[in-house]
């Protein structure tokens, strides 16, 4: 009693994209920055009668003592993203419409999501579509949460994975 208070008007869940920084090309800051610059966060805003999505300002609960200032969110900048990728050695092949790895194969990423979370699936598909504008192929891998937790995260067998928790 007295320790719990209801907070209205705030999202209940936070979802973040975790990269495996040991996996090329995600081990390069320029590639991760390019992926961030290619995202239009406004496209994720959705409001229904039971939920809404909005970009977070911190990894901590809004209004907590840990939140001193808002976390800067990346602004969509496709030209900047293209320059970063080209500078990191991933040129765009006009003929095929894809960005190339150093071995001339298409640049492809695997994004793992919880198959039971419709919000994660929607976010992953939106990211896939937005990164396609850069010529990056994204394969959305839908797995049960138990498999993600016990087989992928523990063994670091992922490139990108969407994670959610209730705040």
N, C-alpha and C. Protein backbone atom coordinates (compact mmCIF):
# COMPACT_ATOMS: atom_id res chain seq x y z
N UNK A 1 0.83 -1.20 0.00
CA UNK A 1 0.00 0.00 0.00
C UNK A 1 0.87 1.26 0.00
N UNK A 2 0.48 2.20 -0.83
CA UNK A 2 1.22 3.44 -0.92
C UNK A 2 2.44 3.36 -1.82
N UNK A 3 2.83 2.16 -2.25
CA UNK A 3 4.01 1.99 -3.08
C UNK A 3 3.68 1.87 -4.56
N UNK A 4 2.43 1.66 -4.86
CA UNK A 4 2.02 1.48 -6.25
C UNK A 4 1.14 2.66 -6.65
N UNK A 5 1.44 3.23 -7.81
CA UNK A 5 0.59 4.29 -8.32
C UNK A 5 0.32 4.02 -9.79
N UNK A 6 -0.87 4.34 -10.20
CA UNK A 6 -1.25 4.13 -11.58
C UNK A 6 -0.78 5.33 -12.40
N UNK A 7 -0.11 5.04 -13.50
CA UNK A 7 0.38 6.09 -14.39
C UNK A 7 -0.43 6.00 -15.68
N UNK A 8 -1.19 7.02 -15.95
CA UNK A 8 -2.04 7.02 -17.13
C UNK A 8 -1.38 7.77 -18.27
N UNK A 9 -1.70 7.38 -19.47
CA UNK A 9 -1.22 8.11 -20.64
C UNK A 9 0.19 7.80 -21.06
N UNK A 10 0.80 6.75 -20.54
CA UNK A 10 2.15 6.36 -20.93
C UNK A 10 2.10 4.95 -21.51
N UNK A 11 2.97 4.66 -22.47
CA UNK A 11 3.01 3.30 -23.00
C UNK A 11 3.37 2.30 -21.91
N UNK A 12 2.81 1.11 -22.00
CA UNK A 12 3.11 0.07 -21.01
C UNK A 12 4.35 -0.72 -21.38
N UNK A 13 4.69 -0.75 -22.66
CA UNK A 13 5.80 -1.58 -23.11
C UNK A 13 6.83 -0.73 -23.84
N UNK A 14 8.07 -1.13 -23.71
CA UNK A 14 9.13 -0.55 -24.53
C UNK A 14 9.68 -1.67 -25.41
N UNK A 15 9.94 -1.31 -26.65
CA UNK A 15 10.53 -2.26 -27.59
C UNK A 15 11.82 -1.64 -28.11
N UNK A 16 12.87 -2.42 -28.14
CA UNK A 16 14.13 -1.92 -28.66
C UNK A 16 14.72 -2.94 -29.61
N UNK A 17 15.57 -2.44 -30.47
CA UNK A 17 16.27 -3.29 -31.41
C UNK A 17 17.69 -3.47 -30.90
N UNK A 18 18.07 -4.70 -30.61
CA UNK A 18 19.41 -5.01 -30.13
C UNK A 18 20.22 -5.60 -31.28
N UNK A 19 21.41 -5.06 -31.49
CA UNK A 19 22.30 -5.56 -32.53
C UNK A 19 23.37 -6.45 -31.89
N UNK A 20 23.78 -7.47 -32.61
CA UNK A 20 24.92 -8.27 -32.21
C UNK A 20 26.15 -7.58 -32.79
N UNK A 21 26.89 -6.89 -31.95
CA UNK A 21 28.03 -6.08 -32.40
C UNK A 21 29.23 -6.91 -32.81
N UNK A 22 29.14 -8.23 -32.67
CA UNK A 22 30.22 -9.11 -33.12
C UNK A 22 29.99 -9.59 -34.55
N UNK A 23 28.82 -9.31 -35.12
CA UNK A 23 28.46 -9.80 -36.45
C UNK A 23 28.68 -8.72 -37.49
N UNK A 24 29.51 -9.00 -38.50
CA UNK A 24 29.61 -8.04 -39.61
C UNK A 24 28.29 -8.00 -40.37
N UNK A 25 27.86 -6.92 -40.88
CA UNK A 25 28.47 -5.60 -40.88
C UNK A 25 28.08 -4.76 -39.67
N UNK A 26 27.34 -5.36 -38.72
CA UNK A 26 26.86 -4.59 -37.58
C UNK A 26 27.95 -4.25 -36.58
N UNK A 27 29.14 -4.79 -36.80
CA UNK A 27 30.27 -4.43 -35.96
C UNK A 27 30.82 -3.05 -36.33
N UNK A 28 30.30 -2.46 -37.40
CA UNK A 28 30.74 -1.14 -37.84
C UNK A 28 29.74 -0.07 -37.41
N UNK A 29 30.22 0.93 -36.70
CA UNK A 29 29.36 2.01 -36.24
C UNK A 29 28.68 2.72 -37.41
N UNK A 30 29.39 2.88 -38.52
CA UNK A 30 28.82 3.58 -39.68
C UNK A 30 27.58 2.85 -40.21
N UNK A 31 27.61 1.53 -40.19
CA UNK A 31 26.47 0.74 -40.68
C UNK A 31 25.29 0.90 -39.72
N UNK A 32 25.55 0.82 -38.43
CA UNK A 32 24.46 0.98 -37.45
C UNK A 32 23.88 2.39 -37.53
N UNK A 33 24.73 3.39 -37.70
CA UNK A 33 24.23 4.77 -37.82
C UNK A 33 23.39 4.92 -39.09
N UNK A 34 23.84 4.31 -40.19
CA UNK A 34 23.07 4.38 -41.44
C UNK A 34 21.70 3.75 -41.27
N UNK A 35 21.64 2.61 -40.59
CA UNK A 35 20.35 1.97 -40.36
C UNK A 35 19.44 2.86 -39.52
N UNK A 36 20.00 3.52 -38.53
CA UNK A 36 19.20 4.43 -37.70
C UNK A 36 18.71 5.62 -38.50
N UNK A 37 19.57 6.17 -39.36
CA UNK A 37 19.20 7.33 -40.16
C UNK A 37 18.14 7.00 -41.22
N UNK A 38 18.00 5.74 -41.55
CA UNK A 38 17.05 5.35 -42.59
C UNK A 38 15.64 5.18 -42.04
N UNK A 39 15.48 5.24 -40.73
CA UNK A 39 14.18 4.96 -40.10
C UNK A 39 13.38 6.24 -39.91
N UNK A 40 12.14 6.18 -40.33
CA UNK A 40 11.19 7.26 -40.08
C UNK A 40 10.37 6.87 -38.85
N UNK A 41 10.73 7.43 -37.70
CA UNK A 41 10.06 7.06 -36.45
C UNK A 41 8.58 7.42 -36.45
N UNK A 42 8.22 8.46 -37.18
CA UNK A 42 6.81 8.87 -37.23
C UNK A 42 5.93 7.76 -37.81
N UNK A 43 6.49 6.94 -38.67
CA UNK A 43 5.69 5.87 -39.28
C UNK A 43 5.30 4.81 -38.27
N UNK A 44 5.95 4.79 -37.11
CA UNK A 44 5.63 3.81 -36.08
C UNK A 44 4.55 4.29 -35.14
N UNK A 45 4.26 5.58 -35.18
CA UNK A 45 3.23 6.12 -34.30
C UNK A 45 1.88 5.56 -34.71
N UNK A 46 1.22 4.96 -33.76
CA UNK A 46 -0.09 4.37 -34.02
C UNK A 46 -0.91 4.53 -32.74
N UNK A 47 -2.13 4.86 -32.89
CA UNK A 47 -2.99 4.95 -31.72
C UNK A 47 -4.28 4.20 -32.00
N UNK A 48 -4.64 3.33 -31.08
CA UNK A 48 -5.89 2.60 -31.18
C UNK A 48 -6.65 2.84 -29.88
N UNK A 49 -7.78 2.23 -29.74
CA UNK A 49 -8.55 2.40 -28.51
C UNK A 49 -7.88 1.73 -27.32
N UNK A 50 -6.95 0.79 -27.58
CA UNK A 50 -6.33 0.07 -26.47
C UNK A 50 -4.82 0.30 -26.35
N UNK A 51 -4.18 0.91 -27.33
CA UNK A 51 -2.73 1.08 -27.25
C UNK A 51 -2.26 2.22 -28.13
N UNK A 52 -1.01 2.62 -27.92
CA UNK A 52 -0.39 3.58 -28.80
C UNK A 52 1.12 3.34 -28.82
N UNK A 53 1.75 3.76 -29.89
CA UNK A 53 3.20 3.65 -30.05
C UNK A 53 3.76 5.05 -30.15
N UNK A 54 4.90 5.27 -29.51
CA UNK A 54 5.60 6.53 -29.65
C UNK A 54 7.07 6.28 -29.34
N UNK A 55 7.98 7.07 -29.93
CA UNK A 55 9.40 6.88 -29.63
C UNK A 55 9.68 7.17 -28.15
N UNK A 56 10.53 6.38 -27.55
CA UNK A 56 10.88 6.59 -26.14
C UNK A 56 11.93 7.68 -26.03
N UNK A 57 12.00 8.27 -24.86
CA UNK A 57 13.00 9.31 -24.61
C UNK A 57 14.11 8.80 -23.71
N UNK A 58 13.96 7.60 -23.18
CA UNK A 58 14.95 7.04 -22.28
C UNK A 58 14.72 5.54 -22.17
N UNK A 59 15.72 4.83 -21.72
CA UNK A 59 15.55 3.40 -21.47
C UNK A 59 14.92 3.16 -20.10
N UNK A 60 14.77 4.22 -19.31
CA UNK A 60 14.17 4.12 -17.99
C UNK A 60 12.74 4.60 -18.02
N UNK A 61 11.98 4.25 -16.99
CA UNK A 61 10.58 4.64 -16.91
C UNK A 61 10.45 6.16 -16.92
N UNK A 62 9.56 6.71 -17.73
CA UNK A 62 9.40 8.17 -17.79
C UNK A 62 9.10 8.75 -16.40
N UNK A 63 9.81 9.83 -16.08
CA UNK A 63 9.61 10.50 -14.80
C UNK A 63 10.46 9.95 -13.67
N UNK A 64 11.24 8.88 -13.93
CA UNK A 64 12.07 8.33 -12.86
C UNK A 64 13.30 9.21 -12.66
N UNK A 65 13.96 9.01 -11.53
CA UNK A 65 15.13 9.82 -11.18
C UNK A 65 16.28 9.63 -12.17
N UNK A 66 16.28 8.52 -12.90
CA UNK A 66 17.37 8.24 -13.83
C UNK A 66 17.26 9.06 -15.11
N UNK A 67 16.09 9.61 -15.37
CA UNK A 67 15.86 10.35 -16.61
C UNK A 67 16.15 11.83 -16.36
N UNK A 68 17.34 12.25 -16.72
CA UNK A 68 17.72 13.64 -16.52
C UNK A 68 17.38 14.49 -17.75
N UNK A 69 17.61 13.93 -18.90
CA UNK A 69 17.29 14.62 -20.14
C UNK A 69 16.89 13.59 -21.19
N UNK A 70 16.15 14.04 -22.16
CA UNK A 70 15.67 13.14 -23.20
C UNK A 70 16.83 12.62 -24.04
N UNK A 71 16.73 11.37 -24.43
CA UNK A 71 17.71 10.74 -25.29
C UNK A 71 17.49 11.27 -26.71
N UNK A 72 18.55 11.73 -27.37
CA UNK A 72 18.35 12.24 -28.74
C UNK A 72 17.96 11.11 -29.68
N UNK A 73 16.93 11.33 -30.46
CA UNK A 73 16.47 10.33 -31.41
C UNK A 73 17.03 10.66 -32.79
N UNK A 74 17.39 9.65 -33.56
CA UNK A 74 17.94 9.93 -34.89
C UNK A 74 16.86 10.50 -35.81
N UNK A 75 17.26 11.44 -36.63
CA UNK A 75 16.37 12.01 -37.64
C UNK A 75 16.57 11.25 -38.94
N UNK A 76 15.50 11.05 -39.66
CA UNK A 76 15.61 10.34 -40.93
C UNK A 76 16.44 11.17 -41.90
N UNK A 77 17.45 10.55 -42.47
CA UNK A 77 18.36 11.21 -43.41
C UNK A 77 18.86 10.14 -44.37
N UNK A 78 18.08 9.86 -45.42
CA UNK A 78 18.44 8.78 -46.35
C UNK A 78 19.75 9.06 -47.08
N UNK A 79 19.97 10.30 -47.47
CA UNK A 79 21.24 10.61 -48.17
C UNK A 79 22.43 10.40 -47.24
N UNK A 80 22.28 10.82 -45.99
CA UNK A 80 23.35 10.59 -45.02
C UNK A 80 23.58 9.11 -44.80
N UNK A 81 22.50 8.33 -44.74
CA UNK A 81 22.62 6.89 -44.57
C UNK A 81 23.33 6.25 -45.76
N UNK A 82 22.96 6.68 -46.97
CA UNK A 82 23.61 6.15 -48.17
C UNK A 82 25.10 6.45 -48.17
N UNK A 83 25.47 7.66 -47.78
CA UNK A 83 26.89 8.04 -47.74
C UNK A 83 27.65 7.21 -46.71
N UNK A 84 27.04 6.99 -45.56
CA UNK A 84 27.69 6.17 -44.54
C UNK A 84 27.93 4.75 -45.04
N UNK A 85 26.94 4.16 -45.69
CA UNK A 85 27.08 2.79 -46.19
C UNK A 85 28.12 2.72 -47.30
N UNK A 86 28.09 3.67 -48.21
CA UNK A 86 29.09 3.67 -49.29
C UNK A 86 30.49 3.84 -48.71
N UNK A 87 30.63 4.73 -47.73
CA UNK A 87 31.93 4.95 -47.10
C UNK A 87 32.42 3.74 -46.33
N UNK A 88 31.50 2.91 -45.85
CA UNK A 88 31.87 1.70 -45.11
C UNK A 88 32.15 0.53 -46.05
N UNK A 89 32.04 0.75 -47.37
CA UNK A 89 32.36 -0.30 -48.33
C UNK A 89 31.17 -1.09 -48.83
N UNK A 90 29.96 -0.50 -48.77
CA UNK A 90 28.76 -1.18 -49.24
C UNK A 90 28.12 -0.34 -50.35
N UNK A 91 28.63 -0.46 -51.57
CA UNK A 91 28.11 0.34 -52.68
C UNK A 91 26.72 -0.13 -53.12
N UNK A 92 26.00 0.75 -53.78
CA UNK A 92 24.67 0.43 -54.29
C UNK A 92 24.79 -0.02 -55.73
N UNK A 93 24.23 -1.17 -56.05
CA UNK A 93 24.21 -1.70 -57.41
C UNK A 93 22.91 -1.27 -58.07
N UNK A 94 23.01 -0.30 -58.98
CA UNK A 94 21.81 0.25 -59.64
C UNK A 94 21.04 -0.82 -60.41
N UNK A 95 21.77 -1.69 -61.07
CA UNK A 95 21.13 -2.73 -61.89
C UNK A 95 20.25 -3.66 -61.06
N UNK A 96 20.77 -4.09 -59.94
CA UNK A 96 20.05 -5.06 -59.11
C UNK A 96 19.21 -4.38 -58.04
N UNK A 97 19.46 -3.10 -57.78
CA UNK A 97 18.69 -2.37 -56.78
C UNK A 97 18.99 -2.79 -55.35
N UNK A 98 20.22 -3.26 -55.13
CA UNK A 98 20.63 -3.70 -53.79
C UNK A 98 21.99 -3.13 -53.43
N UNK A 99 22.24 -3.07 -52.16
CA UNK A 99 23.55 -2.67 -51.66
C UNK A 99 24.40 -3.93 -51.59
N UNK A 100 25.66 -3.82 -51.92
CA UNK A 100 26.51 -5.00 -52.02
C UNK A 100 27.47 -5.13 -50.85
N UNK A 101 27.69 -6.38 -50.44
CA UNK A 101 28.72 -6.71 -49.46
C UNK A 101 30.05 -6.67 -50.20
N UNK A 102 31.11 -6.76 -49.48
CA UNK A 102 32.43 -6.70 -50.09
C UNK A 102 32.66 -7.82 -51.11
N UNK A 103 31.97 -8.94 -50.96
CA UNK A 103 32.10 -10.04 -51.90
C UNK A 103 31.14 -9.95 -53.07
N UNK A 104 30.51 -8.81 -53.23
CA UNK A 104 29.57 -8.54 -54.33
C UNK A 104 28.24 -9.25 -54.18
N UNK A 105 27.99 -9.84 -53.02
CA UNK A 105 26.68 -10.41 -52.73
C UNK A 105 25.79 -9.31 -52.15
N UNK A 106 24.47 -9.44 -52.28
CA UNK A 106 23.59 -8.43 -51.67
C UNK A 106 23.77 -8.37 -50.15
N UNK A 107 23.74 -7.17 -49.61
CA UNK A 107 23.82 -6.98 -48.17
C UNK A 107 22.47 -7.41 -47.57
N UNK A 108 22.52 -8.40 -46.69
CA UNK A 108 21.30 -8.95 -46.10
C UNK A 108 21.46 -9.03 -44.59
N UNK A 109 20.39 -8.68 -43.89
CA UNK A 109 20.37 -8.76 -42.43
C UNK A 109 19.22 -9.65 -42.00
N UNK A 110 19.40 -10.29 -40.85
CA UNK A 110 18.35 -11.13 -40.27
C UNK A 110 17.85 -10.43 -39.01
N UNK A 111 16.57 -10.15 -38.98
CA UNK A 111 15.94 -9.49 -37.84
C UNK A 111 14.99 -10.48 -37.17
N UNK A 112 15.31 -10.86 -35.94
CA UNK A 112 14.55 -11.88 -35.22
C UNK A 112 13.49 -11.21 -34.34
N UNK A 113 12.28 -11.77 -34.38
CA UNK A 113 11.17 -11.23 -33.59
C UNK A 113 10.40 -12.37 -32.93
N UNK A 114 9.69 -12.01 -31.87
CA UNK A 114 8.81 -12.94 -31.17
C UNK A 114 7.58 -13.16 -32.03
N UNK A 115 7.36 -14.39 -32.46
CA UNK A 115 6.23 -14.69 -33.34
C UNK A 115 4.88 -14.43 -32.68
N UNK A 116 4.84 -14.36 -31.36
CA UNK A 116 3.60 -14.14 -30.65
C UNK A 116 3.32 -12.67 -30.34
N UNK A 117 4.15 -11.78 -30.83
CA UNK A 117 3.99 -10.35 -30.52
C UNK A 117 3.69 -9.60 -31.82
N UNK A 118 2.42 -9.29 -32.04
CA UNK A 118 2.00 -8.62 -33.28
C UNK A 118 2.67 -7.25 -33.44
N UNK A 119 2.92 -6.56 -32.33
CA UNK A 119 3.59 -5.26 -32.39
C UNK A 119 5.01 -5.39 -32.90
N UNK A 120 5.74 -6.39 -32.44
CA UNK A 120 7.10 -6.61 -32.92
C UNK A 120 7.11 -6.96 -34.40
N UNK A 121 6.17 -7.78 -34.81
CA UNK A 121 6.11 -8.17 -36.23
C UNK A 121 5.86 -6.93 -37.08
N UNK A 122 4.94 -6.08 -36.65
CA UNK A 122 4.63 -4.86 -37.40
C UNK A 122 5.85 -3.94 -37.48
N UNK A 123 6.57 -3.80 -36.37
CA UNK A 123 7.77 -2.96 -36.36
C UNK A 123 8.83 -3.55 -37.27
N UNK A 124 9.05 -4.86 -37.19
CA UNK A 124 10.07 -5.52 -38.01
C UNK A 124 9.77 -5.36 -39.50
N UNK A 125 8.51 -5.52 -39.87
CA UNK A 125 8.15 -5.37 -41.28
C UNK A 125 8.30 -3.93 -41.75
N UNK A 126 8.02 -2.98 -40.88
CA UNK A 126 8.22 -1.57 -41.24
C UNK A 126 9.70 -1.27 -41.40
N UNK A 127 10.54 -1.80 -40.50
CA UNK A 127 11.98 -1.61 -40.63
C UNK A 127 12.50 -2.24 -41.92
N UNK A 128 12.03 -3.45 -42.21
CA UNK A 128 12.43 -4.13 -43.45
C UNK A 128 12.12 -3.26 -44.66
N UNK A 129 10.92 -2.69 -44.69
CA UNK A 129 10.52 -1.86 -45.82
C UNK A 129 11.34 -0.57 -45.89
N UNK A 130 11.63 0.03 -44.76
CA UNK A 130 12.40 1.27 -44.77
C UNK A 130 13.85 1.03 -45.16
N UNK A 131 14.44 -0.07 -44.69
CA UNK A 131 15.83 -0.37 -45.05
C UNK A 131 15.95 -0.83 -46.50
N UNK A 132 14.87 -1.32 -47.07
CA UNK A 132 14.88 -1.68 -48.49
C UNK A 132 15.14 -0.44 -49.35
N UNK A 133 14.74 0.74 -48.87
CA UNK A 133 15.01 1.98 -49.60
C UNK A 133 16.50 2.24 -49.73
N UNK A 134 17.30 1.66 -48.86
CA UNK A 134 18.76 1.78 -48.95
C UNK A 134 19.37 0.64 -49.77
N UNK A 135 18.55 -0.32 -50.16
CA UNK A 135 19.06 -1.47 -50.90
C UNK A 135 19.50 -2.60 -50.00
N UNK A 136 19.05 -2.59 -48.75
CA UNK A 136 19.40 -3.65 -47.80
C UNK A 136 18.25 -4.65 -47.74
N UNK A 137 18.58 -5.91 -47.90
CA UNK A 137 17.59 -6.97 -47.80
C UNK A 137 17.49 -7.41 -46.34
N UNK A 138 16.29 -7.46 -45.82
CA UNK A 138 16.08 -7.86 -44.43
C UNK A 138 15.15 -9.05 -44.40
N UNK A 139 15.60 -10.10 -43.75
CA UNK A 139 14.78 -11.29 -43.56
C UNK A 139 14.25 -11.26 -42.13
N UNK A 140 12.94 -11.15 -41.99
CA UNK A 140 12.30 -11.16 -40.67
C UNK A 140 12.11 -12.61 -40.25
N UNK A 141 12.75 -12.96 -39.16
CA UNK A 141 12.71 -14.33 -38.64
C UNK A 141 11.78 -14.36 -37.42
N UNK A 142 10.64 -15.02 -37.56
CA UNK A 142 9.66 -15.13 -36.47
C UNK A 142 9.90 -16.43 -35.72
N UNK A 143 10.18 -16.30 -34.43
CA UNK A 143 10.45 -17.46 -33.59
C UNK A 143 9.67 -17.36 -32.29
N UNK A 144 9.42 -18.50 -31.63
CA UNK A 144 8.81 -18.44 -30.30
C UNK A 144 9.77 -17.74 -29.33
N UNK A 145 9.21 -17.01 -28.36
CA UNK A 145 10.03 -16.28 -27.40
C UNK A 145 11.01 -17.20 -26.69
N UNK A 146 10.59 -18.41 -26.34
CA UNK A 146 11.47 -19.36 -25.65
C UNK A 146 12.71 -19.66 -26.49
N UNK A 147 12.53 -19.81 -27.80
CA UNK A 147 13.66 -20.08 -28.69
C UNK A 147 14.59 -18.88 -28.76
N UNK A 148 14.01 -17.69 -28.86
CA UNK A 148 14.83 -16.47 -28.90
C UNK A 148 15.66 -16.37 -27.62
N UNK A 149 15.01 -16.55 -26.49
CA UNK A 149 15.67 -16.40 -25.20
C UNK A 149 16.72 -17.48 -24.96
N UNK A 150 16.35 -18.74 -25.17
CA UNK A 150 17.23 -19.85 -24.79
C UNK A 150 18.24 -20.26 -25.85
N UNK A 151 17.91 -20.03 -27.13
CA UNK A 151 18.82 -20.49 -28.18
C UNK A 151 19.53 -19.36 -28.91
N UNK A 152 18.89 -18.23 -29.06
CA UNK A 152 19.49 -17.16 -29.84
C UNK A 152 20.26 -16.17 -28.98
N UNK A 153 19.61 -15.63 -27.94
CA UNK A 153 20.28 -14.62 -27.11
C UNK A 153 21.44 -15.21 -26.33
N UNK A 154 21.22 -16.35 -25.72
CA UNK A 154 22.27 -16.95 -24.89
C UNK A 154 23.50 -17.34 -25.70
N UNK A 155 23.31 -17.74 -26.93
CA UNK A 155 24.44 -18.16 -27.77
C UNK A 155 24.89 -17.05 -28.72
N UNK A 156 24.21 -15.89 -28.64
CA UNK A 156 24.50 -14.74 -29.50
C UNK A 156 24.34 -15.09 -30.98
N UNK A 157 23.38 -15.97 -31.27
CA UNK A 157 23.08 -16.39 -32.64
C UNK A 157 21.96 -15.50 -33.20
N UNK A 158 22.28 -14.24 -33.40
CA UNK A 158 21.34 -13.30 -33.99
C UNK A 158 22.14 -12.14 -34.58
N UNK A 159 21.54 -11.46 -35.52
CA UNK A 159 22.12 -10.23 -36.03
C UNK A 159 21.43 -9.05 -35.37
N UNK A 160 20.10 -9.00 -35.54
CA UNK A 160 19.29 -8.02 -34.85
C UNK A 160 18.11 -8.73 -34.24
N UNK A 161 17.70 -8.30 -33.06
CA UNK A 161 16.54 -8.91 -32.40
C UNK A 161 15.73 -7.80 -31.73
N UNK A 162 14.41 -7.87 -31.91
CA UNK A 162 13.53 -6.93 -31.22
C UNK A 162 13.22 -7.51 -29.85
N UNK A 163 13.37 -6.67 -28.83
CA UNK A 163 13.09 -7.08 -27.45
C UNK A 163 12.08 -6.10 -26.88
N UNK A 164 11.16 -6.62 -26.09
CA UNK A 164 10.14 -5.78 -25.46
C UNK A 164 10.04 -6.14 -23.99
N UNK A 165 9.71 -5.15 -23.19
CA UNK A 165 9.42 -5.39 -21.79
C UNK A 165 8.36 -4.42 -21.32
N UNK A 166 7.69 -4.82 -20.27
CA UNK A 166 6.65 -3.96 -19.70
C UNK A 166 7.28 -3.05 -18.67
N UNK A 167 6.93 -1.76 -18.77
CA UNK A 167 7.49 -0.80 -17.80
C UNK A 167 6.46 -0.44 -16.76
